[in-house]
Amino acid sequence: MLVSNSNRPARLHYMANGFRVLSPGDHVVCAVTGARIALQDLRYWSVERQEAFASAAIASEAMAPR
């Protein structure tokens, strides 16, 4: 049986210069907004928090000191 990765969230390990796919899928979810981010569009994440963000503005806001 062939399992499709479409419409499934991927599990990733975020590193400083990229990410490693732990479980295949076609998207991840933004940690702040809950928006789906296609893997080919993923540009912003936190290595420390192991979270993905939909945009630079959202990433900056999420990581700003409180």
N, C-alpha and C. Protein backbone atom coordinates (compact mmCIF):
# COMPACT_ATOMS: atom_id res chain seq x y z
N MET A 1 0.84 -1.17 0.00
CA MET A 1 0.00 0.00 0.00
C MET A 1 0.89 1.25 0.00
N LEU A 2 0.63 2.16 -0.90
CA LEU A 2 1.38 3.40 -1.02
C LEU A 2 0.71 4.48 -0.18
N VAL A 3 1.48 5.10 0.71
CA VAL A 3 0.94 6.13 1.59
C VAL A 3 1.36 7.49 1.04
N SER A 4 0.40 8.37 0.85
CA SER A 4 0.67 9.71 0.33
C SER A 4 1.02 10.65 1.47
N ASN A 5 1.95 11.57 1.20
CA ASN A 5 2.33 12.57 2.20
C ASN A 5 1.54 13.86 2.06
N SER A 6 0.64 13.90 1.09
CA SER A 6 -0.13 15.13 0.91
C SER A 6 -1.18 15.26 2.00
N ASN A 7 -1.37 16.49 2.41
CA ASN A 7 -2.34 16.82 3.45
C ASN A 7 -1.99 16.21 4.81
N ARG A 8 -0.72 15.94 5.03
CA ARG A 8 -0.24 15.43 6.32
C ARG A 8 0.82 16.36 6.87
N PRO A 9 0.77 16.68 8.15
CA PRO A 9 1.85 17.51 8.71
C PRO A 9 3.14 16.69 8.83
N ALA A 10 4.24 17.33 8.52
CA ALA A 10 5.55 16.71 8.67
C ALA A 10 6.05 16.97 10.09
N ARG A 11 6.89 16.08 10.59
CA ARG A 11 7.60 16.32 11.86
C ARG A 11 9.03 16.61 11.48
N LEU A 12 9.54 17.75 11.93
CA LEU A 12 10.87 18.19 11.55
C LEU A 12 11.75 18.41 12.77
N HIS A 13 13.06 18.29 12.55
CA HIS A 13 14.05 18.71 13.54
C HIS A 13 14.73 19.94 12.94
N TYR A 14 14.54 21.09 13.59
CA TYR A 14 15.07 22.35 13.07
C TYR A 14 16.51 22.53 13.51
N MET A 15 17.37 22.89 12.56
CA MET A 15 18.78 23.13 12.81
C MET A 15 19.11 24.55 12.34
N ALA A 16 20.31 25.02 12.62
CA ALA A 16 20.70 26.39 12.30
C ALA A 16 20.59 26.71 10.80
N ASN A 17 20.94 25.78 9.95
CA ASN A 17 20.95 26.06 8.51
C ASN A 17 19.96 25.22 7.71
N GLY A 18 19.02 24.62 8.36
CA GLY A 18 18.05 23.80 7.65
C GLY A 18 17.25 22.96 8.63
N PHE A 19 16.63 21.94 8.10
CA PHE A 19 15.84 21.05 8.96
C PHE A 19 15.93 19.63 8.42
N ARG A 20 15.69 18.69 9.30
CA ARG A 20 15.68 17.27 8.93
C ARG A 20 14.26 16.75 9.10
N VAL A 21 13.79 16.01 8.13
CA VAL A 21 12.45 15.45 8.18
C VAL A 21 12.47 14.19 9.04
N LEU A 22 11.70 14.19 10.12
CA LEU A 22 11.60 13.03 11.00
C LEU A 22 10.43 12.14 10.59
N SER A 23 9.33 12.77 10.20
CA SER A 23 8.16 12.07 9.68
C SER A 23 7.69 12.82 8.44
N PRO A 24 7.54 12.14 7.32
CA PRO A 24 7.19 12.84 6.07
C PRO A 24 5.80 13.45 6.12
N GLY A 25 5.67 14.54 5.39
CA GLY A 25 4.41 15.25 5.25
C GLY A 25 4.61 16.37 4.26
N ASP A 26 3.58 17.17 4.02
CA ASP A 26 3.72 18.24 3.04
C ASP A 26 3.70 19.63 3.66
N HIS A 27 3.50 19.72 4.99
CA HIS A 27 3.44 21.02 5.63
C HIS A 27 3.77 20.91 7.12
N VAL A 28 4.00 22.09 7.73
CA VAL A 28 4.09 22.21 9.19
C VAL A 28 3.10 23.30 9.59
N VAL A 29 2.88 23.47 10.87
CA VAL A 29 1.92 24.45 11.37
C VAL A 29 2.67 25.55 12.10
N CYS A 30 2.32 26.80 11.80
CA CYS A 30 2.93 27.94 12.48
C CYS A 30 2.61 27.88 13.97
N ALA A 31 3.63 28.04 14.80
CA ALA A 31 3.46 27.95 16.25
C ALA A 31 2.62 29.08 16.82
N VAL A 32 2.52 30.21 16.12
CA VAL A 32 1.78 31.36 16.63
C VAL A 32 0.37 31.42 16.04
N THR A 33 0.27 31.33 14.73
CA THR A 33 -1.02 31.55 14.07
C THR A 33 -1.80 30.27 13.77
N GLY A 34 -1.11 29.14 13.75
CA GLY A 34 -1.76 27.89 13.39
C GLY A 34 -1.90 27.70 11.89
N ALA A 35 -1.35 28.62 11.11
CA ALA A 35 -1.43 28.54 9.65
C ALA A 35 -0.57 27.39 9.12
N ARG A 36 -1.04 26.77 8.06
CA ARG A 36 -0.26 25.72 7.40
C ARG A 36 0.85 26.36 6.58
N ILE A 37 2.05 25.80 6.68
CA ILE A 37 3.20 26.28 5.91
C ILE A 37 3.71 25.10 5.09
N ALA A 38 3.63 25.21 3.77
CA ALA A 38 4.16 24.16 2.90
C ALA A 38 5.66 24.06 3.12
N LEU A 39 6.20 22.85 3.12
CA LEU A 39 7.62 22.68 3.39
C LEU A 39 8.49 23.49 2.43
N GLN A 40 8.09 23.59 1.17
CA GLN A 40 8.89 24.36 0.22
C GLN A 40 8.85 25.86 0.50
N ASP A 41 7.89 26.32 1.33
CA ASP A 41 7.79 27.73 1.68
C ASP A 41 8.33 28.04 3.08
N LEU A 42 8.76 27.03 3.82
CA LEU A 42 9.23 27.21 5.19
C LEU A 42 10.58 27.93 5.20
N ARG A 43 10.61 29.11 5.80
CA ARG A 43 11.84 29.93 5.87
C ARG A 43 12.21 30.34 7.29
N TYR A 44 11.26 30.31 8.22
CA TYR A 44 11.49 30.86 9.56
C TYR A 44 11.16 29.82 10.63
N TRP A 45 12.11 29.60 11.54
CA TRP A 45 11.90 28.68 12.65
C TRP A 45 12.84 29.02 13.79
N SER A 46 12.57 28.43 14.94
CA SER A 46 13.42 28.59 16.11
C SER A 46 14.07 27.25 16.41
N VAL A 47 15.40 27.25 16.42
CA VAL A 47 16.14 26.03 16.76
C VAL A 47 15.92 25.70 18.23
N GLU A 48 15.99 26.71 19.09
CA GLU A 48 15.82 26.50 20.54
C GLU A 48 14.44 25.96 20.88
N ARG A 49 13.42 26.55 20.29
CA ARG A 49 12.05 26.15 20.61
C ARG A 49 11.53 25.02 19.74
N GLN A 50 12.24 24.73 18.63
CA GLN A 50 11.81 23.72 17.67
C GLN A 50 10.39 24.02 17.19
N GLU A 51 10.20 25.29 16.76
CA GLU A 51 8.91 25.75 16.27
C GLU A 51 9.08 26.43 14.91
N ALA A 52 8.06 26.33 14.08
CA ALA A 52 8.04 26.99 12.77
C ALA A 52 7.17 28.24 12.85
N PHE A 53 7.49 29.22 12.00
CA PHE A 53 6.74 30.47 11.94
C PHE A 53 6.42 30.80 10.49
N ALA A 54 5.25 31.39 10.27
CA ALA A 54 4.76 31.67 8.92
C ALA A 54 5.46 32.85 8.25
N SER A 55 6.02 33.77 9.03
CA SER A 55 6.68 34.94 8.43
C SER A 55 7.77 35.45 9.37
N ALA A 56 8.61 36.34 8.84
CA ALA A 56 9.66 36.94 9.65
C ALA A 56 9.06 37.79 10.78
N ALA A 57 8.00 38.52 10.48
CA ALA A 57 7.36 39.36 11.49
C ALA A 57 6.81 38.51 12.64
N ILE A 58 6.18 37.40 12.31
CA ILE A 58 5.63 36.51 13.33
C ILE A 58 6.75 35.89 14.16
N ALA A 59 7.84 35.49 13.50
CA ALA A 59 8.99 34.91 14.22
C ALA A 59 9.60 35.94 15.17
N SER A 60 9.78 37.17 14.69
CA SER A 60 10.36 38.23 15.53
C SER A 60 9.49 38.52 16.76
N GLU A 61 8.19 38.57 16.53
CA GLU A 61 7.25 38.81 17.63
C GLU A 61 7.29 37.68 18.64
N ALA A 62 7.32 36.45 18.16
CA ALA A 62 7.31 35.29 19.06
C ALA A 62 8.58 35.18 19.88
N MET A 63 9.70 35.61 19.32
CA MET A 63 10.98 35.46 20.01
C MET A 63 11.44 36.71 20.74
N ALA A 64 10.63 37.77 20.70
CA ALA A 64 10.98 39.01 21.39
C ALA A 64 10.92 38.79 22.90
N PRO A 65 11.87 39.38 23.61
CA PRO A 65 11.84 39.27 25.09
C PRO A 65 10.57 39.90 25.64
N ARG A 66 10.06 39.33 26.66
CA ARG A 66 8.82 39.84 27.29
C ARG A 66 9.14 40.51 28.59
